[in-house]
Amino acid sequence: MAGGWAKDGAVSEQIEASINDELARLKARKTPVGESRTHCAECEEPIPEARRAALPGVKLCIECVRERDQQFQARGGINRRGSKDSQLK
């Protein structure tokens, strides 16, 4: 169902494009590589062997990662729809 001058399937294409953009962003995210640390780089607490085996190259303990994730600020997304307000500005 397309509205206005949009062709049929335009909404589905926008949704798929948004999903593909996010997947590409996640795949491009750098993952740790190399030797894992035995102690956390921030708090110096020991990192459990199971965590080091599951995530090669891990540098932080679980608590420090949780604290860092809570401080994360969401980035602004792309407004593909374009509300009427954004079109008037």
N, C-alpha and C. Protein backbone atom coordinates (compact mmCIF):
# COMPACT_ATOMS: atom_id res chain seq x y z
N MET A 1 0.84 -1.17 0.00
CA MET A 1 0.00 0.00 0.00
C MET A 1 0.89 1.23 0.00
N ALA A 2 0.85 1.97 -1.05
CA ALA A 2 1.61 3.21 -1.15
C ALA A 2 0.65 4.38 -1.10
N GLY A 3 1.12 5.48 -0.58
CA GLY A 3 0.28 6.66 -0.50
C GLY A 3 0.87 7.80 -1.31
N GLY A 4 0.04 8.68 -1.80
CA GLY A 4 0.53 9.83 -2.55
C GLY A 4 1.17 9.40 -3.86
N TRP A 5 2.36 9.93 -4.13
CA TRP A 5 3.06 9.65 -5.37
C TRP A 5 4.02 8.47 -5.26
N ALA A 6 4.07 7.84 -4.11
CA ALA A 6 4.99 6.72 -3.90
C ALA A 6 4.51 5.49 -4.67
N LYS A 7 5.46 4.74 -5.16
CA LYS A 7 5.11 3.51 -5.90
C LYS A 7 4.74 2.41 -4.92
N ASP A 8 4.11 1.37 -5.43
CA ASP A 8 3.75 0.23 -4.60
C ASP A 8 5.02 -0.41 -4.04
N GLY A 9 4.98 -0.75 -2.76
CA GLY A 9 6.12 -1.40 -2.13
C GLY A 9 7.16 -0.43 -1.60
N ALA A 10 6.93 0.87 -1.70
CA ALA A 10 7.91 1.86 -1.25
C ALA A 10 8.13 1.78 0.26
N VAL A 11 7.07 1.55 1.00
CA VAL A 11 7.20 1.48 2.46
C VAL A 11 8.04 0.26 2.84
N SER A 12 7.80 -0.87 2.21
CA SER A 12 8.59 -2.07 2.48
C SER A 12 10.04 -1.85 2.14
N GLU A 13 10.30 -1.15 1.03
CA GLU A 13 11.68 -0.87 0.63
C GLU A 13 12.37 0.02 1.67
N GLN A 14 11.66 0.98 2.21
CA GLN A 14 12.22 1.86 3.24
C GLN A 14 12.55 1.07 4.50
N ILE A 15 11.66 0.18 4.90
CA ILE A 15 11.89 -0.63 6.08
C ILE A 15 13.10 -1.53 5.86
N GLU A 16 13.17 -2.19 4.71
CA GLU A 16 14.31 -3.06 4.41
C GLU A 16 15.61 -2.27 4.36
N ALA A 17 15.58 -1.06 3.81
CA ALA A 17 16.78 -0.23 3.75
C ALA A 17 17.25 0.14 5.16
N SER A 18 16.30 0.45 6.03
CA SER A 18 16.65 0.79 7.42
C SER A 18 17.28 -0.40 8.12
N ILE A 19 16.73 -1.57 7.93
CA ILE A 19 17.26 -2.78 8.55
C ILE A 19 18.65 -3.08 8.01
N ASN A 20 18.83 -2.97 6.68
CA ASN A 20 20.14 -3.23 6.08
C ASN A 20 21.19 -2.23 6.55
N ASP A 21 20.81 -0.97 6.71
CA ASP A 21 21.73 0.05 7.22
C ASP A 21 22.20 -0.29 8.63
N GLU A 22 21.27 -0.70 9.47
CA GLU A 22 21.61 -1.03 10.86
C GLU A 22 22.48 -2.28 10.92
N LEU A 23 22.16 -3.30 10.12
CA LEU A 23 22.99 -4.50 10.08
C LEU A 23 24.40 -4.18 9.61
N ALA A 24 24.54 -3.33 8.62
CA ALA A 24 25.87 -2.95 8.13
C ALA A 24 26.63 -2.20 9.21
N ARG A 25 25.93 -1.35 9.96
CA ARG A 25 26.59 -0.61 11.05
C ARG A 25 27.08 -1.57 12.13
N LEU A 26 26.26 -2.56 12.48
CA LEU A 26 26.66 -3.52 13.50
C LEU A 26 27.82 -4.40 13.04
N LYS A 27 27.81 -4.80 11.76
CA LYS A 27 28.91 -5.62 11.24
C LYS A 27 30.21 -4.84 11.19
N ALA A 28 30.13 -3.54 10.95
CA ALA A 28 31.32 -2.70 10.86
C ALA A 28 31.91 -2.37 12.23
N ARG A 29 31.13 -2.61 13.27
CA ARG A 29 31.60 -2.31 14.63
C ARG A 29 32.82 -3.16 14.94
N LYS A 30 33.82 -2.53 15.49
CA LYS A 30 35.06 -3.22 15.78
C LYS A 30 34.87 -4.18 16.96
N THR A 31 35.38 -5.38 16.81
CA THR A 31 35.34 -6.36 17.89
C THR A 31 36.76 -6.58 18.39
N PRO A 32 36.93 -6.88 19.66
CA PRO A 32 38.27 -7.09 20.18
C PRO A 32 38.94 -8.30 19.51
N VAL A 33 40.20 -8.18 19.27
CA VAL A 33 40.98 -9.28 18.72
C VAL A 33 42.27 -9.40 19.50
N GLY A 34 42.93 -10.54 19.37
CA GLY A 34 44.21 -10.74 20.03
C GLY A 34 44.08 -11.39 21.39
N GLU A 35 45.09 -11.17 22.17
CA GLU A 35 45.19 -11.78 23.50
C GLU A 35 44.26 -11.09 24.49
N SER A 36 43.50 -11.88 25.25
CA SER A 36 42.64 -11.32 26.28
C SER A 36 43.47 -10.94 27.49
N ARG A 37 43.02 -9.93 28.19
CA ARG A 37 43.69 -9.54 29.44
C ARG A 37 43.19 -10.43 30.57
N THR A 38 44.03 -10.68 31.53
CA THR A 38 43.62 -11.47 32.70
C THR A 38 42.93 -10.60 33.73
N HIS A 39 43.22 -9.28 33.70
CA HIS A 39 42.61 -8.34 34.63
C HIS A 39 42.03 -7.17 33.84
N CYS A 40 40.95 -6.61 34.36
CA CYS A 40 40.24 -5.51 33.70
C CYS A 40 41.15 -4.30 33.51
N ALA A 41 41.04 -3.65 32.35
CA ALA A 41 41.86 -2.49 32.03
C ALA A 41 41.44 -1.26 32.85
N GLU A 42 40.23 -1.24 33.39
CA GLU A 42 39.76 -0.08 34.14
C GLU A 42 39.83 -0.27 35.65
N CYS A 43 39.35 -1.41 36.14
CA CYS A 43 39.27 -1.58 37.60
C CYS A 43 40.27 -2.60 38.15
N GLU A 44 41.00 -3.29 37.28
CA GLU A 44 42.02 -4.27 37.67
C GLU A 44 41.46 -5.52 38.36
N GLU A 45 40.14 -5.73 38.29
CA GLU A 45 39.56 -6.96 38.82
C GLU A 45 39.87 -8.11 37.85
N PRO A 46 40.01 -9.34 38.35
CA PRO A 46 40.26 -10.46 37.43
C PRO A 46 39.08 -10.70 36.49
N ILE A 47 39.39 -11.01 35.24
CA ILE A 47 38.37 -11.35 34.25
C ILE A 47 38.24 -12.87 34.25
N PRO A 48 37.03 -13.41 34.44
CA PRO A 48 36.85 -14.87 34.50
C PRO A 48 37.33 -15.56 33.21
N GLU A 49 37.86 -16.76 33.37
CA GLU A 49 38.37 -17.54 32.24
C GLU A 49 37.29 -17.78 31.20
N ALA A 50 36.06 -18.03 31.64
CA ALA A 50 34.96 -18.29 30.69
C ALA A 50 34.72 -17.07 29.80
N ARG A 51 34.81 -15.87 30.36
CA ARG A 51 34.63 -14.65 29.56
C ARG A 51 35.78 -14.48 28.57
N ARG A 52 36.99 -14.75 29.01
CA ARG A 52 38.15 -14.62 28.13
C ARG A 52 38.08 -15.63 26.99
N ALA A 53 37.54 -16.81 27.26
CA ALA A 53 37.41 -17.83 26.21
C ALA A 53 36.29 -17.48 25.23
N ALA A 54 35.21 -16.89 25.74
CA ALA A 54 34.07 -16.57 24.88
C ALA A 54 34.34 -15.36 24.00
N LEU A 55 35.11 -14.39 24.50
CA LEU A 55 35.39 -13.15 23.77
C LEU A 55 36.90 -12.95 23.65
N PRO A 56 37.51 -13.49 22.61
CA PRO A 56 38.95 -13.27 22.45
C PRO A 56 39.28 -11.79 22.35
N GLY A 57 40.28 -11.37 23.07
CA GLY A 57 40.69 -9.97 23.04
C GLY A 57 39.95 -9.09 24.02
N VAL A 58 39.21 -9.68 24.95
CA VAL A 58 38.42 -8.89 25.90
C VAL A 58 39.37 -8.12 26.83
N LYS A 59 38.99 -6.86 27.12
CA LYS A 59 39.84 -6.00 27.94
C LYS A 59 39.16 -5.55 29.23
N LEU A 60 37.81 -5.66 29.28
CA LEU A 60 37.06 -5.17 30.43
C LEU A 60 36.26 -6.27 31.10
N CYS A 61 36.06 -6.12 32.41
CA CYS A 61 35.19 -7.05 33.13
C CYS A 61 33.73 -6.71 32.81
N ILE A 62 32.83 -7.58 33.23
CA ILE A 62 31.42 -7.39 32.92
C ILE A 62 30.86 -6.12 33.56
N GLU A 63 31.26 -5.83 34.79
CA GLU A 63 30.75 -4.64 35.48
C GLU A 63 31.17 -3.35 34.77
N CYS A 64 32.41 -3.27 34.31
CA CYS A 64 32.87 -2.07 33.60
C CYS A 64 32.18 -1.92 32.26
N VAL A 65 31.91 -3.05 31.59
CA VAL A 65 31.19 -2.99 30.32
C VAL A 65 29.77 -2.49 30.55
N ARG A 66 29.12 -2.96 31.62
CA ARG A 66 27.76 -2.51 31.94
C ARG A 66 27.73 -1.01 32.20
N GLU A 67 28.71 -0.52 32.97
CA GLU A 67 28.78 0.91 33.26
C GLU A 67 28.98 1.71 31.98
N ARG A 68 29.84 1.23 31.10
CA ARG A 68 30.10 1.92 29.84
C ARG A 68 28.86 1.91 28.95
N ASP A 69 28.13 0.79 28.93
CA ASP A 69 26.91 0.70 28.12
C ASP A 69 25.82 1.64 28.63
N GLN A 70 25.73 1.84 29.94
CA GLN A 70 24.73 2.74 30.50
C GLN A 70 25.03 4.19 30.14
N GLN A 71 26.30 4.51 29.93
CA GLN A 71 26.70 5.87 29.58
C GLN A 71 26.54 6.13 28.09
N PHE A 72 26.27 5.10 27.31
CA PHE A 72 26.16 5.22 25.86
C PHE A 72 25.02 6.15 25.49
N GLN A 73 25.28 7.07 24.58
CA GLN A 73 24.25 7.97 24.09
C GLN A 73 23.83 7.49 22.70
N ALA A 74 22.54 7.31 22.52
CA ALA A 74 22.03 6.85 21.23
C ALA A 74 22.28 7.91 20.18
N ARG A 75 22.69 7.47 19.01
CA ARG A 75 22.94 8.42 17.92
C ARG A 75 21.63 8.75 17.23
N GLY A 76 21.60 9.89 16.60
CA GLY A 76 20.41 10.30 15.88
C GLY A 76 20.23 9.46 14.64
N GLY A 77 19.04 9.01 14.39
CA GLY A 77 18.76 8.20 13.22
C GLY A 77 18.42 9.07 12.02
N ILE A 78 18.20 8.43 10.92
CA ILE A 78 17.83 9.13 9.71
C ILE A 78 16.32 9.11 9.61
N ASN A 79 15.72 10.27 9.40
CA ASN A 79 14.27 10.36 9.26
C ASN A 79 13.94 10.09 7.80
N ARG A 80 13.68 8.83 7.47
CA ARG A 80 13.39 8.48 6.09
C ARG A 80 11.98 8.94 5.67
N ARG A 81 11.07 8.98 6.60
CA ARG A 81 9.70 9.37 6.26
C ARG A 81 9.59 10.85 6.02
N GLY A 82 10.26 11.64 6.82
CA GLY A 82 10.16 13.08 6.69
C GLY A 82 8.80 13.58 7.11
N SER A 83 8.66 13.99 8.35
CA SER A 83 7.37 14.48 8.81
C SER A 83 7.08 15.82 8.15
N LYS A 84 5.83 16.25 8.24
CA LYS A 84 5.44 17.54 7.64
C LYS A 84 6.22 18.67 8.29
N ASP A 85 6.46 18.56 9.61
CA ASP A 85 7.20 19.60 10.30
C ASP A 85 8.62 19.73 9.74
N SER A 86 9.29 18.60 9.48
CA SER A 86 10.65 18.66 8.98
C SER A 86 10.70 19.17 7.54
N GLN A 87 9.62 19.00 6.80
CA GLN A 87 9.58 19.48 5.43
C GLN A 87 9.32 20.98 5.36
N LEU A 88 8.71 21.51 6.39
CA LEU A 88 8.40 22.94 6.39
C LEU A 88 9.59 23.79 6.79
N LYS A 89 10.57 23.20 7.48
CA LYS A 89 11.72 23.96 7.97
C LYS A 89 12.73 24.21 6.90
